Amino acid sequence: MQTSQVTAQLVKNMNAFNHEGAAAVERIPALYADDIVFHDPIQSVTGLDAFMETNRRMMARAKALEVEVGDVVENGDQIFMSWKMRYVPKMGPPIAIDGATHCRVRNGKIVYHRDYWDLLGSVLAGVPVVAPIYKMLVKKLG
């Protein structure tokens, strides 16, 4: 697959969580290389099996997950995209996350996937007493 085809499939896969839920995880192997390297603010994993387990675990803990893909840009073998996610865990408040993804493609498969998002802000935004304090502190820093 060309990078543009991988990009289209990646967007399609991310959108699949909106209507397929946990079943969307099973689309991953068609798009990712066996030696995928994945990073986000919580973890780093290497290998398709570990990446699949990470996604299965996330979905097992979710009541719902919705993704809205924003801007998508390709540059050679790289893909950049913005997104908004609403994650509703089985326990705890919903979490709204604004994030970005950077992927590298080799031989038609994603070999590197890094998600960037604000872990602290995303989690604290769901805590009623703490959220306003956190927002005020961030505003003072800016």
Protein backbone atom coordinates (compact mmCIF):
# COMPACT_ATOMS: atom_id res chain seq x y z
CA MET A 1 0.00 0.00 0.00
CA GLN A 2 1.07 3.56 -0.69
CA THR A 3 1.21 6.01 2.23
CA SER A 4 -2.03 7.64 1.02
CA GLN A 5 -3.78 4.26 1.13
CA VAL A 6 -2.41 3.61 4.63
CA THR A 7 -3.62 7.05 5.71
CA ALA A 8 -7.13 6.39 4.39
CA GLN A 9 -7.22 3.02 6.14
CA LEU A 10 -5.93 4.51 9.41
CA VAL A 11 -8.69 7.15 9.40
CA LYS A 12 -11.26 4.48 8.57
CA ASN A 13 -9.99 2.30 11.43
CA MET A 14 -10.09 5.15 13.94
CA ASN A 15 -13.64 6.01 12.89
CA ALA A 16 -14.62 2.34 13.24
CA PHE A 17 -14.44 2.65 17.04
CA ASN A 18 -17.51 4.91 16.85
CA HIS A 19 -19.78 2.16 15.54
CA GLU A 20 -17.90 -1.13 16.04
CA GLY A 21 -16.55 -0.61 19.56
CA ALA A 22 -14.11 -3.31 20.67
CA ALA A 23 -14.48 -5.18 17.36
CA ALA A 24 -12.56 -2.33 15.69
CA VAL A 25 -9.38 -3.50 17.43
CA GLU A 26 -9.34 -6.56 15.18
CA ARG A 27 -8.74 -4.29 12.15
CA ILE A 28 -5.29 -3.35 13.48
CA PRO A 29 -3.17 -6.27 12.14
CA ALA A 30 -4.00 -5.41 8.52
CA LEU A 31 -2.45 -1.96 8.93
CA TYR A 32 0.45 -2.36 11.36
CA ALA A 33 3.81 -4.13 10.96
CA ASP A 34 4.80 -7.01 13.21
CA ASP A 35 7.57 -4.82 14.68
CA ILE A 36 5.37 -1.78 15.38
CA VAL A 37 6.72 0.65 17.97
CA PHE A 38 3.96 2.51 19.84
CA HIS A 39 4.26 5.35 22.35
CA ASP A 40 1.74 7.47 24.20
CA PRO A 41 1.85 9.38 27.51
CA ILE A 42 1.02 6.21 29.45
CA GLN A 43 3.10 3.50 27.81
CA SER A 44 5.53 2.33 25.16
CA VAL A 45 5.20 -1.08 23.53
CA THR A 46 7.01 -2.89 20.75
CA GLY A 47 5.52 -5.59 18.55
CA LEU A 48 2.09 -6.21 17.09
CA ASP A 49 1.05 -8.62 19.84
CA ALA A 50 1.84 -6.06 22.56
CA PHE A 51 0.09 -3.30 20.58
CA MET A 52 -3.00 -5.49 20.13
CA GLU A 53 -3.04 -6.30 23.86
CA THR A 54 -2.80 -2.58 24.70
CA ASN A 55 -5.82 -1.82 22.51
CA ARG A 56 -7.83 -4.82 23.73
CA ARG A 57 -7.18 -3.84 27.35
CA MET A 58 -8.27 -0.24 26.68
CA MET A 59 -11.50 -1.40 25.06
CA ALA A 60 -12.21 -3.98 27.78
CA ARG A 61 -12.20 -1.12 30.29
CA ALA A 62 -14.49 1.08 28.18
CA LYS A 63 -18.23 1.54 28.09
CA ALA A 64 -17.73 3.63 24.95
CA LEU A 65 -15.04 5.22 22.83
CA GLU A 66 -15.69 7.83 20.17
CA VAL A 67 -13.06 9.32 17.87
CA GLU A 68 -13.34 12.36 15.63
CA VAL A 69 -10.41 12.65 13.22
CA GLY A 70 -9.47 16.24 12.38
CA ASP A 71 -6.66 17.39 10.10
CA VAL A 72 -4.59 14.76 8.31
CA VAL A 73 -1.26 15.52 6.63
CA GLU A 74 1.11 13.22 4.76
CA ASN A 75 4.77 13.91 4.14
CA GLY A 76 6.62 11.14 2.33
CA ASP A 77 6.36 8.05 4.52
CA GLN A 78 4.91 9.97 7.49
CA ILE A 79 1.35 10.65 8.59
CA PHE A 80 0.27 13.36 11.03
CA MET A 81 -3.29 13.75 12.27
CA SER A 82 -5.24 15.55 14.94
CA TRP A 83 -8.17 13.96 16.71
CA LYS A 84 -10.65 14.27 19.55
CA MET A 85 -11.54 11.26 21.64
CA ARG A 86 -14.26 10.71 24.19
CA TYR A 87 -13.47 7.72 26.36
CA VAL A 88 -16.10 6.50 28.79
CA PRO A 89 -14.55 4.01 31.20
CA LYS A 90 -16.67 1.37 32.95
CA MET A 91 -15.65 3.03 36.21
CA GLY A 92 -15.05 6.74 36.59
CA PRO A 93 -15.96 9.90 34.71
CA PRO A 94 -15.81 10.28 30.91
CA ILE A 95 -12.50 11.56 29.58
CA ALA A 96 -12.29 14.02 26.67
CA ILE A 97 -8.92 14.06 24.94
CA ASP A 98 -7.60 16.32 22.19
CA GLY A 99 -4.60 14.66 20.62
CA ALA A 100 -2.33 14.17 17.66
CA THR A 101 -0.76 11.12 16.06
CA HIS A 102 2.49 10.72 14.16
CA CYS A 103 3.01 7.52 12.16
CA ARG A 104 5.79 6.23 9.92
CA VAL A 105 5.05 3.81 7.10
CA ARG A 106 7.37 1.17 5.65
CA ASN A 107 6.37 -1.29 2.92
CA GLY A 108 2.70 -0.38 3.22
CA LYS A 109 2.46 -0.90 7.00
CA ILE A 110 2.71 1.41 9.99
CA VAL A 111 6.00 0.73 11.82
CA TYR A 112 5.90 3.66 14.26
CA HIS A 113 2.86 5.20 15.94
CA ARG A 114 3.09 7.93 18.57
CA ASP A 115 0.10 9.59 20.19
CA TYR A 116 0.50 12.99 21.82
CA TRP A 117 -2.06 14.18 24.36
CA ASP A 118 -2.25 15.85 27.75
CA LEU A 119 -2.53 13.02 30.28
CA LEU A 120 -2.92 15.20 33.36
CA GLY A 121 -5.33 17.69 31.81
CA SER A 122 -7.49 14.96 30.27
CA VAL A 123 -7.86 13.06 33.51
CA LEU A 124 -8.31 16.08 35.78
CA ALA A 125 -10.93 17.64 33.49
CA GLY A 126 -13.32 14.88 34.60
CA VAL A 127 -12.88 15.59 38.32
CA PRO A 128 -15.37 18.35 39.24
CA VAL A 129 -13.52 19.93 42.18
CA VAL A 130 -10.03 19.67 40.67
CA ALA A 131 -10.77 20.69 37.05
CA PRO A 132 -11.30 24.43 37.70
CA ILE A 133 -8.16 24.62 39.85
CA TYR A 134 -6.08 22.87 37.20
CA LYS A 135 -7.42 25.17 34.46
CA MET A 136 -6.64 28.23 36.57
CA LEU A 137 -3.06 27.02 37.19
CA VAL A 138 -2.47 26.31 33.50
CA LYS A 139 -3.85 29.75 32.57
CA LYS A 140 -1.44 31.44 34.99
CA LEU A 141 1.49 29.54 33.46
CA GLY A 142 0.55 30.67 29.93
